[in-house]
Amino acid sequence: MIFKYFFSVFLILSANSYAQSSKFELGRSLFFDKLLSGNRNISCATCHHPLTANGDGLSLGFGEGGVGLGITRNFNDKVHGRVPRNAPALFNVGQSFVTKYFFDGRVEFDIEYPGGIKSPADNNLPEGLESLLAAQSIFPLTSGIEMAGDKGENDIADFASTGDHRGVWGVVVGRVKSIEEYVELFVNSFPNQIKTSADIQIHHVGNALADFQKKAFIADDSPFDRYLEGDKSSLSASQISGMNIFYGKGKCSQCHTGKYQTDMKFHSIALPPIGPGKGVGFNLQDDWGRYLVTKKKSDKYKFRTPSLRNVSVTAPYGHNGAYNSLEDILIHHMNPKQSLSRYKKSKAALPELKGANDFTVLSNNNVMNDILLSSNLPEINISKNETSDLLSFLTALTDFRCLDMRKFVPQKVPSGLPIND
């Protein structure tokens, strides 16, 4: 009882410490408010909810038109289809090591572009963005299948259908500035920039969203961190054995390097192609990854190396969530050729969607061969005990604060729209 009391006090004090920042509170409201979506039916939090480890638990989520949260999210006759890539967790998303966003890195630092940021908006990216994360945060708003909706459904969707990012952002800003509570939050959050609703711009929206994500979703206090700081008792014998395999025989650290286990580069690991793809290749259901950004043949099927922080609680895995099991994705890394050839649909967390041909590309031998040849992962033979130890080490990368993030979920948002469905 005493522990429960003090734990409750801790949650209250933690929440209050964040509440002191108007910018954080503004970002949190925007993150959970469906007002930012075309049909007012989906928010950032829908697919990146604190109570579902910042993801949705699905290989490929139901974006616009879906109903519910997390693995219980379903579809109806209004769903626009599956989102072609997995909804990644947002842990440490605002830390300095993140120099590229999205699986293909299409939002990244590049001094040749205005503001030093290259993005799908090219030279139309708004000025005033405070970080790369702020830039990334305003792009899901422009995706028809994620948040905008289909042409003819709403004005945001109409702009999105023609690739008019500025048009989308203009409508979003118009919506938030029409709500008095939001105007007050913006004024308090940016006192030197905003005096009235007329001063609110899309970069303020992005900056606030980034501030919330950066401060709320930190994961840097795991048993592994404490081990590195000198507490040798923080890891079990199995975890230490797994760590040695990770940084040795398993060759995991060749890509998953540094404090957060990522080199921020792009690699092909020959993941099974599932889902609707990105509108290229066989049946227009293939996904060529980094190639879609650079147009370099050598980048085909390459995707950004993810951080492994909290990896034990952020399934499914891969750019398309092809594996719902941490053990399965680990085994795949050790022997991509065998794993790809033996892949079964049941390994994904992919609720059936009528009319969706999610496994079409798997049947094309030419594509499968190209995917396999694109990978340079070596075959590594490890025993069952070594696999178990390696999995044990990966759990040691979990910051246990991520297991209870209720304090970051608001009771309501300024628009008055529901946030829990």
Protein backbone atom coordinates (compact mmCIF):
# COMPACT_ATOMS: atom_id res chain seq x y z
CA MET A 1 0.00 0.00 0.00
CA ILE A 2 2.82 2.39 0.92
CA PHE A 3 4.64 1.58 -2.33
CA LYS A 4 1.46 2.15 -4.31
CA TYR A 5 1.01 5.55 -2.65
CA PHE A 6 4.53 6.73 -3.40
CA PHE A 7 4.34 5.38 -6.94
CA SER A 8 1.16 7.40 -7.49
CA VAL A 9 2.84 10.50 -6.11
CA PHE A 10 5.78 9.89 -8.44
CA LEU A 11 3.47 9.76 -11.45
CA ILE A 12 1.73 12.97 -10.40
CA LEU A 13 4.98 14.83 -9.80
CA SER A 14 6.40 13.59 -13.11
CA ALA A 15 3.33 14.71 -14.99
CA ASN A 16 3.39 18.09 -13.26
CA SER A 17 7.05 18.62 -14.14
CA TYR A 18 6.19 18.27 -17.81
CA ALA A 19 3.04 20.36 -17.40
CA GLN A 20 5.25 23.34 -16.54
CA SER A 21 6.24 23.54 -20.21
CA SER A 22 3.53 25.05 -22.40
CA LYS A 23 5.37 23.89 -25.50
CA PHE A 24 5.39 20.31 -24.24
CA GLU A 25 1.68 20.48 -23.40
CA LEU A 26 0.93 21.96 -26.81
CA GLY A 27 2.90 19.21 -28.52
CA ARG A 28 1.16 16.55 -26.47
CA SER A 29 -2.27 17.91 -27.37
CA LEU A 30 -1.39 18.06 -31.06
CA PHE A 31 0.06 14.53 -30.92
CA PHE A 32 -3.22 13.13 -29.60
CA ASP A 33 -5.65 15.37 -31.49
CA LYS A 34 -7.45 13.91 -34.50
CA LEU A 35 -8.13 17.46 -35.64
CA LEU A 36 -4.87 17.30 -37.59
CA SER A 37 -6.15 14.51 -39.84
CA GLY A 38 -8.25 15.07 -42.93
CA ASN A 39 -11.38 13.31 -41.71
CA ARG A 40 -10.74 14.08 -38.03
CA ASN A 41 -10.52 10.36 -37.23
CA ILE A 42 -6.82 9.63 -36.61
CA SER A 43 -3.99 11.24 -34.68
CA CYS A 44 -0.24 10.72 -34.41
CA ALA A 45 -0.90 8.75 -31.22
CA THR A 46 -3.23 6.34 -33.00
CA CYS A 47 -0.25 4.56 -34.53
CA HIS A 48 2.35 5.65 -31.95
CA HIS A 49 0.54 5.34 -28.66
CA PRO A 50 2.43 5.44 -25.32
CA LEU A 51 0.38 2.50 -24.07
CA THR A 52 1.44 0.33 -27.01
CA ALA A 53 5.20 1.01 -26.79
CA ASN A 54 4.91 3.89 -29.27
CA GLY A 55 3.75 1.61 -32.05
CA ASP A 56 0.53 -0.18 -32.90
CA GLY A 57 1.59 -3.83 -32.57
CA LEU A 58 0.74 -4.54 -36.20
CA SER A 59 3.08 -5.40 -39.03
CA LEU A 60 1.34 -2.84 -41.20
CA GLY A 61 -1.25 -0.65 -39.60
CA PHE A 62 -4.66 0.55 -40.68
CA GLY A 63 -4.25 4.27 -41.06
CA GLU A 64 -7.02 6.51 -42.31
CA GLY A 65 -10.40 4.93 -41.71
CA GLY A 66 -9.29 2.35 -39.15
CA VAL A 67 -11.05 1.95 -35.82
CA GLY A 68 -9.45 1.44 -32.41
CA LEU A 69 -5.91 1.37 -31.03
CA GLY A 70 -3.00 -1.05 -31.09
CA ILE A 71 -3.48 -4.70 -31.98
CA THR A 72 -7.23 -4.31 -31.50
CA ARG A 73 -7.39 -1.78 -34.32
CA ASN A 74 -9.79 -2.96 -36.99
CA PHE A 75 -11.04 -1.81 -40.31
CA ASN A 76 -14.42 -1.07 -41.79
CA ASP A 77 -15.73 -0.24 -45.22
CA LYS A 78 -14.10 3.19 -44.95
CA VAL A 79 -10.54 2.01 -44.37
CA HIS A 80 -8.18 3.17 -47.12
CA GLY A 81 -5.91 0.13 -46.91
CA ARG A 82 -2.77 -0.84 -45.07
CA VAL A 83 0.01 1.63 -44.47
CA PRO A 84 2.88 0.22 -46.58
CA ARG A 85 5.48 0.36 -43.81
CA ASN A 86 5.55 -0.53 -40.14
CA ALA A 87 4.80 2.15 -37.55
CA PRO A 88 8.15 2.44 -35.76
CA ALA A 89 8.52 3.14 -32.05
CA LEU A 90 9.51 6.72 -31.21
CA PHE A 91 11.98 6.06 -28.41
CA ASN A 92 14.91 8.50 -28.50
CA VAL A 93 13.53 9.91 -31.73
CA GLY A 94 14.70 13.40 -30.79
CA GLN A 95 18.26 12.52 -29.81
CA SER A 96 21.21 13.91 -31.76
CA PHE A 97 22.25 10.53 -33.18
CA VAL A 98 19.13 10.52 -35.38
CA THR A 99 20.22 12.19 -38.60
CA LYS A 100 17.65 10.63 -40.93
CA TYR A 101 13.94 9.89 -40.54
CA PHE A 102 11.64 7.28 -42.07
CA PHE A 103 12.86 3.85 -43.14
CA ASP A 104 14.19 5.26 -46.41
CA GLY A 105 15.71 8.38 -44.83
CA ARG A 106 13.71 10.77 -46.98
CA VAL A 107 13.92 13.47 -44.32
CA GLU A 108 17.59 14.08 -43.56
CA PHE A 109 20.23 16.72 -43.02
CA ASP A 110 21.65 18.08 -46.28
CA ILE A 111 23.39 21.46 -46.47
CA GLU A 112 22.45 21.81 -50.13
CA TYR A 113 18.81 22.38 -49.19
CA PRO A 114 17.17 25.39 -47.48
CA GLY A 115 17.51 25.11 -43.74
CA GLY A 116 19.92 22.21 -44.21
CA ILE A 117 17.07 19.69 -44.51
CA LYS A 118 16.26 17.50 -47.49
CA SER A 119 12.67 16.27 -47.59
CA PRO A 120 9.82 15.31 -49.92
CA ALA A 121 8.84 18.98 -49.90
CA ASP A 122 12.25 19.92 -51.35
CA ASN A 123 12.47 23.71 -51.47
CA ASN A 124 8.96 24.16 -50.09
CA LEU A 125 9.84 23.09 -46.56
CA PRO A 126 8.76 25.92 -44.23
CA GLU A 127 11.34 28.09 -42.50
CA GLY A 128 11.54 28.20 -38.72
CA LEU A 129 11.74 24.47 -38.02
CA GLU A 130 13.89 23.92 -34.93
CA SER A 131 15.03 20.38 -35.66
CA LEU A 132 15.01 17.53 -38.11
CA LEU A 133 12.35 15.87 -35.95
CA ALA A 134 10.16 18.94 -36.30
CA ALA A 135 10.41 18.60 -40.08
CA GLN A 136 9.58 14.90 -39.98
CA SER A 137 6.58 15.48 -37.73
CA ILE A 138 4.59 17.41 -40.30
CA PHE A 139 4.88 14.89 -43.14
CA PRO A 140 2.46 12.17 -41.93
CA LEU A 141 -0.20 14.89 -42.20
CA THR A 142 0.34 14.88 -45.97
CA SER A 143 -0.11 11.13 -46.50
CA GLY A 144 -3.50 10.11 -47.81
CA ILE A 145 -3.40 6.60 -46.38
CA GLU A 146 -1.97 7.70 -43.04
CA MET A 147 -3.80 10.86 -42.00
CA ALA A 148 -5.14 12.90 -44.93
CA GLY A 149 -7.71 10.61 -46.55
CA ASP A 150 -8.76 10.27 -50.19
CA LYS A 151 -9.38 13.04 -52.67
CA GLY A 152 -12.93 14.33 -52.43
CA GLU A 153 -13.30 13.47 -48.73
CA ASN A 154 -11.92 16.70 -47.28
CA ASP A 155 -9.81 19.71 -48.19
CA ILE A 156 -6.64 18.28 -46.66
CA ALA A 157 -7.00 15.13 -48.77
CA ASP A 158 -7.55 17.22 -51.89
CA PHE A 159 -4.24 19.02 -51.40
CA ALA A 160 -2.46 15.78 -50.43
CA SER A 161 -3.64 14.02 -53.60
CA THR A 162 -1.71 16.53 -55.72
CA GLY A 163 1.38 16.56 -53.51
CA ASP A 164 0.65 20.09 -52.32
CA HIS A 165 2.31 19.98 -48.89
CA ARG A 166 1.86 23.69 -48.31
CA GLY A 167 -1.84 23.36 -48.98
CA VAL A 168 -2.18 20.54 -46.44
CA TRP A 169 -0.26 22.43 -43.80
CA GLY A 170 -2.29 25.57 -44.41
CA VAL A 171 -5.55 23.77 -43.68
CA VAL A 172 -4.11 22.14 -40.55
CA VAL A 173 -2.97 25.51 -39.23
CA GLY A 174 -6.36 27.00 -40.03
CA ARG A 175 -8.04 24.32 -37.95
CA VAL A 176 -5.89 24.71 -34.84
CA LYS A 177 -5.92 28.52 -34.88
CA SER A 178 -9.72 28.48 -34.92
CA ILE A 179 -9.74 26.97 -31.41
CA GLU A 180 -9.18 29.47 -28.61
CA GLU A 181 -7.47 27.00 -26.29
CA TYR A 182 -4.92 26.16 -28.98
CA VAL A 183 -4.24 29.82 -29.67
CA GLU A 184 -3.51 30.36 -25.99
CA LEU A 185 -1.15 27.36 -25.95
CA PHE A 186 0.69 28.61 -29.03
CA VAL A 187 1.06 32.12 -27.58
CA ASN A 188 2.42 30.73 -24.31
CA SER A 189 4.71 28.30 -26.10
CA PHE A 190 6.21 30.80 -28.55
CA PRO A 191 5.89 34.18 -26.78
CA ASN A 192 8.52 35.86 -28.95
CA GLN A 193 6.97 34.67 -32.19
CA ILE A 194 3.22 34.49 -31.66
CA LYS A 195 1.03 37.28 -30.37
CA THR A 196 -2.25 36.43 -32.09
CA SER A 197 -3.73 33.52 -34.02
CA ALA A 198 -2.56 35.14 -37.27
CA ASP A 199 1.05 34.42 -36.28
CA ILE A 200 0.61 30.64 -36.00
CA GLN A 201 2.39 28.73 -38.75
CA ILE A 202 3.01 25.07 -39.57
CA HIS A 203 6.59 25.21 -38.28
CA HIS A 204 5.17 26.01 -34.83
CA VAL A 205 3.08 22.85 -35.07
CA GLY A 206 6.15 20.81 -36.03
CA ASN A 207 8.31 22.35 -33.31
CA ALA A 208 5.73 21.61 -30.62
CA LEU A 209 5.23 18.02 -31.80
CA ALA A 210 8.99 17.52 -31.75
CA ASP A 211 9.33 18.97 -28.26
CA PHE A 212 6.80 16.52 -26.86
CA GLN A 213 8.28 13.47 -28.57
CA LYS A 214 11.84 14.34 -27.65
CA LYS A 215 11.08 14.80 -23.94
CA ALA A 216 8.46 12.10 -23.47
CA PHE A 217 9.99 9.14 -25.23
CA ILE A 218 13.50 8.91 -23.80
CA ALA A 219 14.97 5.43 -23.36
CA ASP A 220 18.50 5.62 -21.96
CA ASP A 221 18.26 3.94 -18.54
CA SER A 222 18.40 0.22 -19.24
CA PRO A 223 20.31 -2.55 -17.44
CA PHE A 224 22.83 -2.30 -20.29
CA ASP A 225 23.35 1.40 -19.56
CA ARG A 226 23.92 0.69 -15.89
CA TYR A 227 26.39 -2.04 -16.83
CA LEU A 228 28.34 0.42 -18.95
CA GLU A 229 28.34 2.84 -16.04
CA GLY A 230 30.06 0.27 -13.87
CA ASP A 231 27.27 -1.74 -12.28
CA LYS A 232 28.38 -5.20 -13.34
CA SER A 233 25.52 -6.82 -11.43
CA SER A 234 22.93 -5.22 -13.70
CA LEU A 235 23.31 -7.94 -16.34
CA SER A 236 22.81 -11.67 -15.79
CA ALA A 237 25.34 -14.27 -16.90
CA SER A 238 23.13 -15.06 -19.89
CA GLN A 239 22.89 -11.39 -20.86
CA ILE A 240 26.66 -10.94 -20.61
CA SER A 241 27.12 -13.99 -22.81
CA GLY A 242 24.61 -12.53 -25.26
CA MET A 243 26.40 -9.18 -25.20
CA ASN A 244 29.66 -10.89 -26.12
CA ILE A 245 27.94 -12.61 -29.03
CA PHE A 246 26.33 -9.32 -30.11
CA TYR A 247 29.68 -7.52 -30.21
CA GLY A 248 31.61 -10.58 -31.40
CA LYS A 249 30.56 -13.73 -33.20
CA GLY A 250 27.09 -12.46 -34.10
CA LYS A 251 28.54 -9.37 -35.86
CA CYS A 252 25.42 -7.44 -34.85
CA SER A 253 27.42 -4.36 -33.88
CA GLN A 254 28.71 -3.90 -37.43
CA CYS A 255 25.44 -2.05 -38.09
CA HIS A 256 23.89 -1.77 -34.64
CA THR A 257 26.72 0.31 -33.25
CA GLY A 258 27.13 3.05 -30.65
CA LYS A 259 25.17 3.82 -27.50
CA TYR A 260 21.82 3.40 -29.24
CA GLN A 261 22.82 0.48 -31.49
CA THR A 262 22.48 2.06 -34.92
CA ASP A 263 24.91 3.36 -37.53
CA MET A 264 22.11 5.41 -39.14
CA LYS A 265 23.09 3.91 -42.48
CA PHE A 266 21.12 1.85 -44.97
CA HIS A 267 21.41 -1.89 -45.43
CA SER A 268 19.53 -4.71 -47.08
CA ILE A 269 18.86 -7.69 -44.84
CA ALA A 270 16.68 -9.52 -47.37
CA LEU A 271 13.42 -9.13 -45.51
CA PRO A 272 10.40 -10.94 -46.97
CA PRO A 273 8.33 -8.53 -49.10
CA ILE A 274 4.81 -8.26 -47.68
CA GLY A 275 2.04 -5.72 -47.79
CA PRO A 276 0.90 -3.24 -50.44
CA GLY A 277 4.44 -1.98 -51.16
CA LYS A 278 5.32 1.47 -52.44
CA GLY A 279 3.81 1.32 -55.89
CA VAL A 280 6.87 0.04 -57.73
CA GLY A 281 8.12 -3.21 -59.25
CA PHE A 282 6.15 -6.42 -59.52
CA ASN A 283 2.41 -5.82 -59.42
CA LEU A 284 3.31 -2.33 -58.11
CA GLN A 285 3.65 -3.96 -54.69
CA ASP A 286 7.40 -3.92 -54.24
CA ASP A 287 9.30 -1.58 -51.92
CA TRP A 288 12.76 -0.50 -53.06
CA GLY A 289 13.64 1.36 -49.87
CA ARG A 290 16.46 3.91 -50.04
CA TYR A 291 16.49 3.68 -53.84
CA LEU A 292 13.20 5.59 -53.93
CA VAL A 293 15.07 8.56 -52.43
CA THR A 294 18.48 8.40 -54.10
CA LYS A 295 17.62 6.58 -57.38
CA LYS A 296 20.90 4.71 -56.97
CA LYS A 297 20.74 1.07 -58.02
CA SER A 298 23.07 0.16 -55.16
CA ASP A 299 20.46 1.41 -52.67
CA LYS A 300 17.71 -0.93 -53.81
CA TYR A 301 16.09 -2.82 -50.91
CA LYS A 302 18.17 -0.93 -48.35
CA PHE A 303 16.52 0.50 -45.25
CA ARG A 304 17.80 2.49 -42.30
CA THR A 305 19.31 0.58 -39.39
CA PRO A 306 16.90 0.93 -36.45
CA SER A 307 17.99 1.60 -32.90
CA LEU A 308 17.55 -1.45 -30.68
CA ARG A 309 16.45 0.41 -27.57
CA ASN A 310 13.32 -1.23 -26.12
CA VAL A 311 13.46 -3.74 -28.96
CA SER A 312 12.02 -6.49 -26.77
CA VAL A 313 8.69 -4.63 -26.49
CA THR A 314 8.39 -3.03 -29.93
CA ALA A 315 7.34 -5.90 -32.20
CA PRO A 316 6.74 -6.42 -35.10
CA TYR A 317 10.17 -5.97 -36.68
CA GLY A 318 11.50 -4.76 -40.01
CA HIS A 319 10.44 -1.95 -42.33
CA ASN A 320 7.28 -3.91 -43.11
CA GLY A 321 6.91 -5.75 -39.82
CA ALA A 322 7.54 -9.07 -41.53
CA TYR A 323 8.39 -10.74 -38.23
CA ASN A 324 6.24 -10.49 -35.13
CA SER A 325 8.76 -12.41 -33.04
CA LEU A 326 12.12 -11.07 -31.86
CA GLU A 327 13.53 -14.57 -32.13
CA ASP A 328 12.35 -14.88 -35.73
CA ILE A 329 13.95 -11.61 -36.85
CA LEU A 330 17.13 -12.60 -35.02
CA ILE A 331 17.22 -15.98 -36.77
CA HIS A 332 16.63 -14.19 -40.07
CA HIS A 333 19.72 -12.05 -39.48
CA MET A 334 21.82 -15.15 -38.89
CA ASN A 335 20.71 -16.87 -42.12
CA PRO A 336 18.72 -14.58 -44.46
CA LYS A 337 18.70 -17.02 -47.38
CA GLN A 338 17.18 -19.85 -45.41
CA SER A 339 14.79 -17.61 -43.51
CA LEU A 340 13.55 -15.91 -46.68
CA SER A 341 12.95 -19.21 -48.46
CA ARG A 342 11.04 -20.64 -45.49
CA TYR A 343 9.01 -17.57 -44.65
CA LYS A 344 5.41 -18.18 -43.60
CA LYS A 345 2.62 -15.65 -43.58
CA SER A 346 1.87 -16.51 -39.96
CA LYS A 347 5.12 -14.85 -38.87
CA ALA A 348 3.58 -11.43 -39.45
CA ALA A 349 0.93 -9.65 -37.38
CA LEU A 350 -1.31 -8.89 -40.30
CA PRO A 351 -5.06 -9.08 -39.72
CA GLU A 352 -6.89 -10.11 -42.87
CA LEU A 353 -8.11 -7.25 -45.02
CA LYS A 354 -10.60 -8.08 -47.75
CA GLY A 355 -9.14 -7.50 -51.18
CA ALA A 356 -5.57 -7.10 -49.94
CA ASN A 357 -2.97 -9.21 -51.73
CA ASP A 358 -0.32 -8.85 -49.06
CA PHE A 359 1.88 -11.76 -50.11
CA THR A 360 1.85 -11.42 -53.90
CA VAL A 361 5.51 -10.44 -54.26
CA LEU A 362 6.63 -13.48 -52.26
CA SER A 363 5.56 -15.66 -55.21
CA ASN A 364 7.82 -13.91 -57.71
CA ASN A 365 11.11 -15.78 -57.92
CA ASN A 366 12.91 -12.99 -59.76
CA VAL A 367 12.10 -10.42 -57.10
CA MET A 368 12.95 -12.81 -54.30
CA ASN A 369 16.31 -13.49 -55.92
CA ASP A 370 17.00 -9.76 -56.32
CA ILE A 371 16.16 -9.18 -52.66
CA LEU A 372 18.46 -11.95 -51.56
CA LEU A 373 21.34 -10.75 -53.77
CA SER A 374 20.96 -7.22 -52.41
CA SER A 375 21.88 -8.37 -48.91
CA ASN A 376 25.44 -8.66 -47.71
CA LEU A 377 24.61 -10.22 -44.36
CA PRO A 378 26.93 -13.18 -43.70
CA GLU A 379 25.57 -16.53 -42.66
CA ILE A 380 26.38 -17.09 -38.99
CA ASN A 381 25.97 -20.38 -37.21
CA ILE A 382 24.89 -19.99 -33.62
CA SER A 383 23.48 -22.61 -31.29
CA LYS A 384 20.10 -22.54 -29.58
CA ASN A 385 21.81 -21.60 -26.32
CA GLU A 386 23.66 -18.75 -28.02
CA THR A 387 20.41 -17.57 -29.60
CA SER A 388 18.78 -17.63 -26.17
CA ASP A 389 21.64 -15.62 -24.66
CA LEU A 390 21.51 -13.09 -27.48
CA LEU A 391 17.78 -12.63 -26.97
CA SER A 392 18.41 -12.23 -23.26
CA PHE A 393 20.90 -9.44 -23.97
CA LEU A 394 18.42 -7.65 -26.21
CA THR A 395 15.95 -7.52 -23.31
CA ALA A 396 18.69 -5.75 -21.32
CA LEU A 397 18.30 -2.81 -23.72
CA THR A 398 14.84 -2.11 -22.29
CA ASP A 399 14.32 1.08 -20.30
CA PHE A 400 11.57 -0.09 -17.95
CA ARG A 401 10.03 3.37 -17.84
CA CYS A 402 8.53 2.50 -21.23
CA LEU A 403 6.32 -0.12 -19.61
CA ASP A 404 4.11 2.51 -18.01
CA MET A 405 3.73 5.77 -19.93
CA ARG A 406 0.20 6.61 -18.85
CA LYS A 407 1.33 10.01 -17.62
CA PHE A 408 1.85 11.15 -21.21
CA VAL A 409 -1.74 10.46 -22.26
CA PRO A 410 -3.92 13.58 -21.84
CA GLN A 411 -7.43 13.42 -20.47
CA LYS A 412 -8.70 15.49 -23.37
CA VAL A 413 -7.56 17.65 -26.27
CA PRO A 414 -8.60 21.21 -27.21
CA SER A 415 -10.71 20.12 -30.19
CA GLY A 416 -12.90 17.97 -27.95
CA LEU A 417 -12.47 14.99 -30.29
CA PRO A 418 -12.16 11.55 -28.65
CA ILE A 419 -8.63 10.28 -28.06
CA ASN A 420 -9.15 6.68 -26.95
CA ASP A 421 -10.78 5.06 -29.98
